[in-house]
Amino acid sequence: MPITQFLNSSEFDSETKRVMGVAFEMARAALQLGNQGNLINERIAKRIIELAKTGELNPDVLCEAVLREFCQHL
């Protein structure tokens, strides 16, 4: 599932989109979502996009930040 469907009007260069996509897939794999969890996918994507807008472009850091937030809510 590509993150691009959640970008809406946000404009990023192709490398930033690639990095966000990698982080998105890493987070989905870590949470073992498979092809389910549309609401969760959207929340993961939006958080990654927010972090990327602040300048964070390391997919490991993006993924870890999302996982940390999700684990706090469990």
PDB file of N, CA and C in Angstrom:
ATOM      1  N   MET A   1       0.848  -1.174   0.000  1.00  0.00           N
ATOM      2  CA  MET A   1       0.000   0.000   0.000  1.00  0.00           C
ATOM      3  C   MET A   1       0.894   1.238   0.000  1.00  0.00           C
ATOM      4  N   PRO A   2       0.828   2.055  -1.022  1.00  0.00           N
ATOM      5  CA  PRO A   2       1.702   3.229  -1.093  1.00  0.00           C
ATOM      6  C   PRO A   2       1.210   4.382  -0.208  1.00  0.00           C
ATOM      7  N   ILE A   3       2.155   5.128   0.329  1.00  0.00           N
ATOM      8  CA  ILE A   3       1.817   6.275   1.169  1.00  0.00           C
ATOM      9  C   ILE A   3       1.250   7.419   0.334  1.00  0.00           C
ATOM     10  N   THR A   4       1.522   7.412  -0.972  1.00  0.00           N
ATOM     11  CA  THR A   4       1.109   8.531  -1.831  1.00  0.00           C
ATOM     12  C   THR A   4      -0.392   8.798  -1.785  1.00  0.00           C
ATOM     13  N   GLN A   5      -1.183   7.786  -1.518  1.00  0.00           N
ATOM     14  CA  GLN A   5      -2.630   8.016  -1.468  1.00  0.00           C
ATOM     15  C   GLN A   5      -3.037   8.898  -0.285  1.00  0.00           C
ATOM     16  N   PHE A   6      -2.146   9.085   0.677  1.00  0.00           N
ATOM     17  CA  PHE A   6      -2.448   9.897   1.854  1.00  0.00           C
ATOM     18  C   PHE A   6      -1.824  11.291   1.783  1.00  0.00           C
ATOM     19  N   LEU A   7      -1.124  11.592   0.704  1.00  0.00           N
ATOM     20  CA  LEU A   7      -0.420  12.867   0.605  1.00  0.00           C
ATOM     21  C   LEU A   7      -1.341  14.050   0.339  1.00  0.00           C
ATOM     22  N   ASN A   8      -2.493  13.824  -0.240  1.00  0.00           N
ATOM     23  CA  ASN A   8      -3.430  14.901  -0.581  1.00  0.00           C
ATOM     24  C   ASN A   8      -2.712  15.989  -1.366  1.00  0.00           C
ATOM     25  N   SER A   9      -2.713  17.204  -0.864  1.00  0.00           N
ATOM     26  CA  SER A   9      -2.097  18.300  -1.616  1.00  0.00           C
ATOM     27  C   SER A   9      -0.660  18.573  -1.171  1.00  0.00           C
ATOM     28  N   SER A  10      -0.142  17.787  -0.245  1.00  0.00           N
ATOM     29  CA  SER A  10       1.235  17.981   0.209  1.00  0.00           C
ATOM     30  C   SER A  10       2.196  17.686  -0.936  1.00  0.00           C
ATOM     31  N   GLU A  11       3.135  18.595  -1.120  1.00  0.00           N
ATOM     32  CA  GLU A  11       4.094  18.412  -2.204  1.00  0.00           C
ATOM     33  C   GLU A  11       5.459  18.094  -1.638  1.00  0.00           C
ATOM     34  N   PHE A  12       5.999  16.975  -2.070  1.00  0.00           N
ATOM     35  CA  PHE A  12       7.323  16.538  -1.666  1.00  0.00           C
ATOM     36  C   PHE A  12       8.075  16.118  -2.914  1.00  0.00           C
ATOM     37  N   ASP A  13       9.399  16.222  -2.855  1.00  0.00           N
ATOM     38  CA  ASP A  13      10.183  15.741  -3.986  1.00  0.00           C
ATOM     39  C   ASP A  13      10.170  14.216  -3.989  1.00  0.00           C
ATOM     40  N   SER A  14      10.621  13.635  -5.071  1.00  0.00           N
ATOM     41  CA  SER A  14      10.521  12.182  -5.235  1.00  0.00           C
ATOM     42  C   SER A  14      11.329  11.416  -4.190  1.00  0.00           C
ATOM     43  N   GLU A  15      12.477  11.935  -3.777  1.00  0.00           N
ATOM     44  CA  GLU A  15      13.284  11.251  -2.755  1.00  0.00           C
ATOM     45  C   GLU A  15      12.582  11.268  -1.401  1.00  0.00           C
ATOM     46  N   THR A  16      11.952  12.373  -1.056  1.00  0.00           N
ATOM     47  CA  THR A  16      11.219  12.458   0.212  1.00  0.00           C
ATOM     48  C   THR A  16      10.041  11.493   0.197  1.00  0.00           C
ATOM     49  N   LYS A  17       9.345  11.409  -0.929  1.00  0.00           N
ATOM     50  CA  LYS A  17       8.237  10.452  -1.056  1.00  0.00           C
ATOM     51  C   LYS A  17       8.735   9.022  -0.899  1.00  0.00           C
ATOM     52  N   ARG A  18       9.908   8.743  -1.468  1.00  0.00           N
ATOM     53  CA  ARG A  18      10.472   7.402  -1.359  1.00  0.00           C
ATOM     54  C   ARG A  18      10.794   7.067   0.097  1.00  0.00           C
ATOM     55  N   VAL A  19      11.437   8.011   0.790  1.00  0.00           N
ATOM     56  CA  VAL A  19      11.799   7.807   2.195  1.00  0.00           C
ATOM     57  C   VAL A  19      10.543   7.608   3.049  1.00  0.00           C
ATOM     58  N   MET A  20       9.543   8.439   2.818  1.00  0.00           N
ATOM     59  CA  MET A  20       8.294   8.298   3.579  1.00  0.00           C
ATOM     60  C   MET A  20       7.642   6.950   3.291  1.00  0.00           C
ATOM     61  N   GLY A  21       7.686   6.522   2.041  1.00  0.00           N
ATOM     62  CA  GLY A  21       7.121   5.225   1.667  1.00  0.00           C
ATOM     63  C   GLY A  21       7.830   4.072   2.356  1.00  0.00           C
ATOM     64  N   VAL A  22       9.153   4.164   2.447  1.00  0.00           N
ATOM     65  CA  VAL A  22       9.926   3.123   3.137  1.00  0.00           C
ATOM     66  C   VAL A  22       9.538   3.093   4.615  1.00  0.00           C
ATOM     67  N   ALA A  23       9.487   4.249   5.254  1.00  0.00           N
ATOM     68  CA  ALA A  23       9.109   4.322   6.671  1.00  0.00           C
ATOM     69  C   ALA A  23       7.704   3.793   6.889  1.00  0.00           C
ATOM     70  N   PHE A  24       6.803   4.116   5.992  1.00  0.00           N
ATOM     71  CA  PHE A  24       5.410   3.664   6.075  1.00  0.00           C
ATOM     72  C   PHE A  24       5.341   2.142   6.025  1.00  0.00           C
ATOM     73  N   GLU A  25       6.036   1.556   5.076  1.00  0.00           N
ATOM     74  CA  GLU A  25       6.019   0.097   4.946  1.00  0.00           C
ATOM     75  C   GLU A  25       6.713  -0.583   6.122  1.00  0.00           C
ATOM     76  N   MET A  26       7.772   0.029   6.635  1.00  0.00           N
ATOM     77  CA  MET A  26       8.452  -0.523   7.806  1.00  0.00           C
ATOM     78  C   MET A  26       7.502  -0.540   9.011  1.00  0.00           C
ATOM     79  N   ALA A  27       6.782   0.552   9.213  1.00  0.00           N
ATOM     80  CA  ALA A  27       5.845   0.641  10.346  1.00  0.00           C
ATOM     81  C   ALA A  27       4.707  -0.357  10.183  1.00  0.00           C
ATOM     82  N   ARG A  28       4.187  -0.472   8.967  1.00  0.00           N
ATOM     83  CA  ARG A  28       3.108  -1.425   8.719  1.00  0.00           C
ATOM     84  C   ARG A  28       3.575  -2.852   8.981  1.00  0.00           C
ATOM     85  N   ALA A  29       4.795  -3.169   8.562  1.00  0.00           N
ATOM     86  CA  ALA A  29       5.338  -4.515   8.780  1.00  0.00           C
ATOM     87  C   ALA A  29       5.539  -4.772  10.273  1.00  0.00           C
ATOM     88  N   ALA A  30       6.066  -3.783  10.974  1.00  0.00           N
ATOM     89  CA  ALA A  30       6.306  -3.945  12.409  1.00  0.00           C
ATOM     90  C   ALA A  30       5.000  -4.153  13.171  1.00  0.00           C
ATOM     91  N   LEU A  31       3.941  -3.504  12.711  1.00  0.00           N
ATOM     92  CA  LEU A  31       2.627  -3.641  13.359  1.00  0.00           C
ATOM     93  C   LEU A  31       1.829  -4.817  12.804  1.00  0.00           C
ATOM     94  N   GLN A  32       2.418  -5.508  11.825  1.00  0.00           N
ATOM     95  CA  GLN A  32       1.808  -6.686  11.195  1.00  0.00           C
ATOM     96  C   GLN A  32       0.387  -6.401  10.706  1.00  0.00           C
ATOM     97  N   LEU A  33       0.251  -5.318   9.928  1.00  0.00           N
ATOM     98  CA  LEU A  33      -1.069  -4.923   9.444  1.00  0.00           C
ATOM     99  C   LEU A  33      -1.530  -5.708   8.227  1.00  0.00           C
ATOM    100  N   GLY A  34      -0.619  -6.157   7.394  1.00  0.00           N
ATOM    101  CA  GLY A  34      -1.031  -6.857   6.190  1.00  0.00           C
ATOM    102  C   GLY A  34      -1.874  -5.945   5.319  1.00  0.00           C
ATOM    103  N   ASN A  35      -2.986  -6.452   4.813  1.00  0.00           N
ATOM    104  CA  ASN A  35      -3.874  -5.665   3.949  1.00  0.00           C
ATOM    105  C   ASN A  35      -5.070  -5.117   4.700  1.00  0.00           C
ATOM    106  N   GLN A  36      -4.962  -5.011   5.999  1.00  0.00           N
ATOM    107  CA  GLN A  36      -6.088  -4.519   6.787  1.00  0.00           C
ATOM    108  C   GLN A  36      -5.706  -3.241   7.515  1.00  0.00           C
ATOM    109  N   GLY A  37      -6.629  -2.701   8.249  1.00  0.00           N
ATOM    110  CA  GLY A  37      -6.354  -1.549   9.089  1.00  0.00           C
ATOM    111  C   GLY A  37      -6.286  -0.234   8.361  1.00  0.00           C
ATOM    112  N   ASN A  38      -7.293   0.097   7.552  1.00  0.00           N
ATOM    113  CA  ASN A  38      -7.257   1.342   6.785  1.00  0.00           C
ATOM    114  C   ASN A  38      -7.128   2.579   7.660  1.00  0.00           C
ATOM    115  N   LEU A  39      -7.842   2.614   8.777  1.00  0.00           N
ATOM    116  CA  LEU A  39      -7.751   3.767   9.670  1.00  0.00           C
ATOM    117  C   LEU A  39      -6.354   3.866  10.275  1.00  0.00           C
ATOM    118  N   ILE A  40      -5.800   2.736  10.653  1.00  0.00           N
ATOM    119  CA  ILE A  40      -4.448   2.720  11.214  1.00  0.00           C
ATOM    120  C   ILE A  40      -3.438   3.136  10.147  1.00  0.00           C
ATOM    121  N   ASN A  41      -3.600   2.646   8.927  1.00  0.00           N
ATOM    122  CA  ASN A  41      -2.711   3.044   7.825  1.00  0.00           C
ATOM    123  C   ASN A  41      -2.729   4.551   7.641  1.00  0.00           C
ATOM    124  N   GLU A  42      -3.905   5.128   7.696  1.00  0.00           N
ATOM    125  CA  GLU A  42      -4.044   6.569   7.519  1.00  0.00           C
ATOM    126  C   GLU A  42      -3.342   7.318   8.651  1.00  0.00           C
ATOM    127  N   ARG A  43      -3.507   6.860   9.875  1.00  0.00           N
ATOM    128  CA  ARG A  43      -2.863   7.512  11.015  1.00  0.00           C
ATOM    129  C   ARG A  43      -1.339   7.414  10.927  1.00  0.00           C
ATOM    130  N   ILE A  44      -0.848   6.249  10.525  1.00  0.00           N
ATOM    131  CA  ILE A  44       0.600   6.075  10.356  1.00  0.00           C
ATOM    132  C   ILE A  44       1.112   7.040   9.287  1.00  0.00           C
ATOM    133  N   ALA A  45       0.441   7.059   8.147  1.00  0.00           N
ATOM    134  CA  ALA A  45       0.866   7.913   7.036  1.00  0.00           C
ATOM    135  C   ALA A  45       0.855   9.385   7.432  1.00  0.00           C
ATOM    136  N   LYS A  46      -0.203   9.821   8.077  1.00  0.00           N
ATOM    137  CA  LYS A  46      -0.302  11.240   8.448  1.00  0.00           C
ATOM    138  C   LYS A  46       0.798  11.637   9.419  1.00  0.00           C
ATOM    139  N   ARG A  47       1.136  10.751  10.343  1.00  0.00           N
ATOM    140  CA  ARG A  47       2.203  11.071  11.298  1.00  0.00           C
ATOM    141  C   ARG A  47       3.560  11.126  10.592  1.00  0.00           C
ATOM    142  N   ILE A  48       3.816  10.205   9.691  1.00  0.00           N
ATOM    143  CA  ILE A  48       5.065  10.222   8.933  1.00  0.00           C
ATOM    144  C   ILE A  48       5.159  11.497   8.099  1.00  0.00           C
ATOM    145  N   ILE A  49       4.066  11.887   7.482  1.00  0.00           N
ATOM    146  CA  ILE A  49       4.032  13.106   6.674  1.00  0.00           C
ATOM    147  C   ILE A  49       4.317  14.328   7.549  1.00  0.00           C
ATOM    148  N   GLU A  50       3.700  14.382   8.730  1.00  0.00           N
ATOM    149  CA  GLU A  50       3.943  15.496   9.659  1.00  0.00           C
ATOM    150  C   GLU A  50       5.416  15.589  10.029  1.00  0.00           C
ATOM    151  N   LEU A  51       6.006  14.446  10.351  1.00  0.00           N
ATOM    152  CA  LEU A  51       7.417  14.432  10.733  1.00  0.00           C
ATOM    153  C   LEU A  51       8.317  14.818   9.558  1.00  0.00           C
ATOM    154  N   ALA A  52       7.980  14.362   8.368  1.00  0.00           N
ATOM    155  CA  ALA A  52       8.776  14.715   7.181  1.00  0.00           C
ATOM    156  C   ALA A  52       8.704  16.214   6.896  1.00  0.00           C
ATOM    157  N   LYS A  53       7.572  16.814   7.173  1.00  0.00           N
ATOM    158  CA  LYS A  53       7.435  18.263   6.961  1.00  0.00           C
ATOM    159  C   LYS A  53       8.349  19.053   7.886  1.00  0.00           C
ATOM    160  N   THR A  54       8.720  18.460   9.037  1.00  0.00           N
ATOM    161  CA  THR A  54       9.635  19.140   9.959  1.00  0.00           C
ATOM    162  C   THR A  54      11.086  18.967   9.534  1.00  0.00           C
ATOM    163  N   GLY A  55      11.317  18.126   8.522  1.00  0.00           N
ATOM    164  CA  GLY A  55      12.664  17.936   8.003  1.00  0.00           C
ATOM    165  C   GLY A  55      13.271  16.575   8.288  1.00  0.00           C
ATOM    166  N   GLU A  56      12.569  15.737   9.033  1.00  0.00           N
ATOM    167  CA  GLU A  56      13.100  14.400   9.330  1.00  0.00           C
ATOM    168  C   GLU A  56      12.964  13.525   8.093  1.00  0.00           C
ATOM    169  N   LEU A  57      14.086  13.027   7.580  1.00  0.00           N
ATOM    170  CA  LEU A  57      14.058  12.220   6.364  1.00  0.00           C
ATOM    171  C   LEU A  57      14.783  10.887   6.516  1.00  0.00           C
ATOM    172  N   ASN A  58      14.984  10.455   7.733  1.00  0.00           N
ATOM    173  CA  ASN A  58      15.585   9.151   7.980  1.00  0.00           C
ATOM    174  C   ASN A  58      14.446   8.159   8.178  1.00  0.00           C
ATOM    175  N   PRO A  59      14.297   7.169   7.301  1.00  0.00           N
ATOM    176  CA  PRO A  59      13.160   6.253   7.421  1.00  0.00           C
ATOM    177  C   PRO A  59      13.142   5.482   8.743  1.00  0.00           C
ATOM    178  N   ASP A  60      14.323   5.180   9.287  1.00  0.00           N
ATOM    179  CA  ASP A  60      14.367   4.479  10.572  1.00  0.00           C
ATOM    180  C   ASP A  60      13.804   5.349  11.692  1.00  0.00           C
ATOM    181  N   VAL A  61      14.181   6.609  11.692  1.00  0.00           N
ATOM    182  CA  VAL A  61      13.697   7.543  12.715  1.00  0.00           C
ATOM    183  C   VAL A  61      12.198   7.764  12.559  1.00  0.00           C
ATOM    184  N   LEU A  62      11.736   7.935  11.328  1.00  0.00           N
ATOM    185  CA  LEU A  62      10.306   8.120  11.084  1.00  0.00           C
ATOM    186  C   LEU A  62       9.509   6.916  11.584  1.00  0.00           C
ATOM    187  N   CYS A  63       9.963   5.727  11.238  1.00  0.00           N
ATOM    188  CA  CYS A  63       9.284   4.504  11.644  1.00  0.00           C
ATOM    189  C   CYS A  63       9.275   4.366  13.166  1.00  0.00           C
ATOM    190  N   GLU A  64      10.424   4.558  13.795  1.00  0.00           N
ATOM    191  CA  GLU A  64      10.520   4.421  15.253  1.00  0.00           C
ATOM    192  C   GLU A  64       9.621   5.420  15.972  1.00  0.00           C
ATOM    193  N   ALA A  65       9.537   6.633  15.462  1.00  0.00           N
ATOM    194  CA  ALA A  65       8.675   7.646  16.085  1.00  0.00           C
ATOM    195  C   ALA A  65       7.209   7.213  16.042  1.00  0.00           C
ATOM    196  N   VAL A  66       6.794   6.686  14.902  1.00  0.00           N
ATOM    197  CA  VAL A  66       5.410   6.217  14.765  1.00  0.00           C
ATOM    198  C   VAL A  66       5.156   5.034  15.689  1.00  0.00           C
ATOM    199  N   LEU A  67       6.069   4.082  15.714  1.00  0.00           N
ATOM    200  CA  LEU A  67       5.888   2.901  16.563  1.00  0.00           C
ATOM    201  C   LEU A  67       5.858   3.279  18.041  1.00  0.00           C
ATOM    202  N   ARG A  68       6.704   4.222  18.442  1.00  0.00           N
ATOM    203  CA  ARG A  68       6.712   4.680  19.831  1.00  0.00           C
ATOM    204  C   ARG A  68       5.351   5.259  20.211  1.00  0.00           C
ATOM    205  N   GLU A  69       4.796   6.083  19.325  1.00  0.00           N
ATOM    206  CA  GLU A  69       3.484   6.689  19.584  1.00  0.00           C
ATOM    207  C   GLU A  69       2.384   5.641  19.657  1.00  0.00           C
ATOM    208  N   PHE A  70       2.424   4.675  18.762  1.00  0.00           N
ATOM    209  CA  PHE A  70       1.390   3.638  18.767  1.00  0.00           C
ATOM    210  C   PHE A  70       1.486   2.774  20.010  1.00  0.00           C
ATOM    211  N   CYS A  71       2.706   2.481  20.439  1.00  0.00           N
ATOM    212  CA  CYS A  71       2.881   1.636  21.629  1.00  0.00           C
ATOM    213  C   CYS A  71       2.406   2.341  22.893  1.00  0.00           C
ATOM    214  N   GLN A  72       2.472   3.664  22.928  1.00  0.00           N
ATOM    215  CA  GLN A  72       1.988   4.423  24.077  1.00  0.00           C
ATOM    216  C   GLN A  72       0.476   4.303  24.225  1.00  0.00           C
ATOM    217  N   HIS A  73      -0.218   4.071  23.107  1.00  0.00           N
ATOM    218  CA  HIS A  73      -1.676   4.035  23.122  1.00  0.00           C
ATOM    219  C   HIS A  73      -2.230   2.633  23.306  1.00  0.00           C
ATOM    220  N   LEU A  74      -1.350   1.651  23.432  1.00  0.00           N
ATOM    221  CA  LEU A  74      -1.812   0.271  23.608  1.00  0.00           C
ATOM    222  C   LEU A  74      -1.979  -0.077  25.068  1.00  0.00           C
TER     223      LEU A  74
END
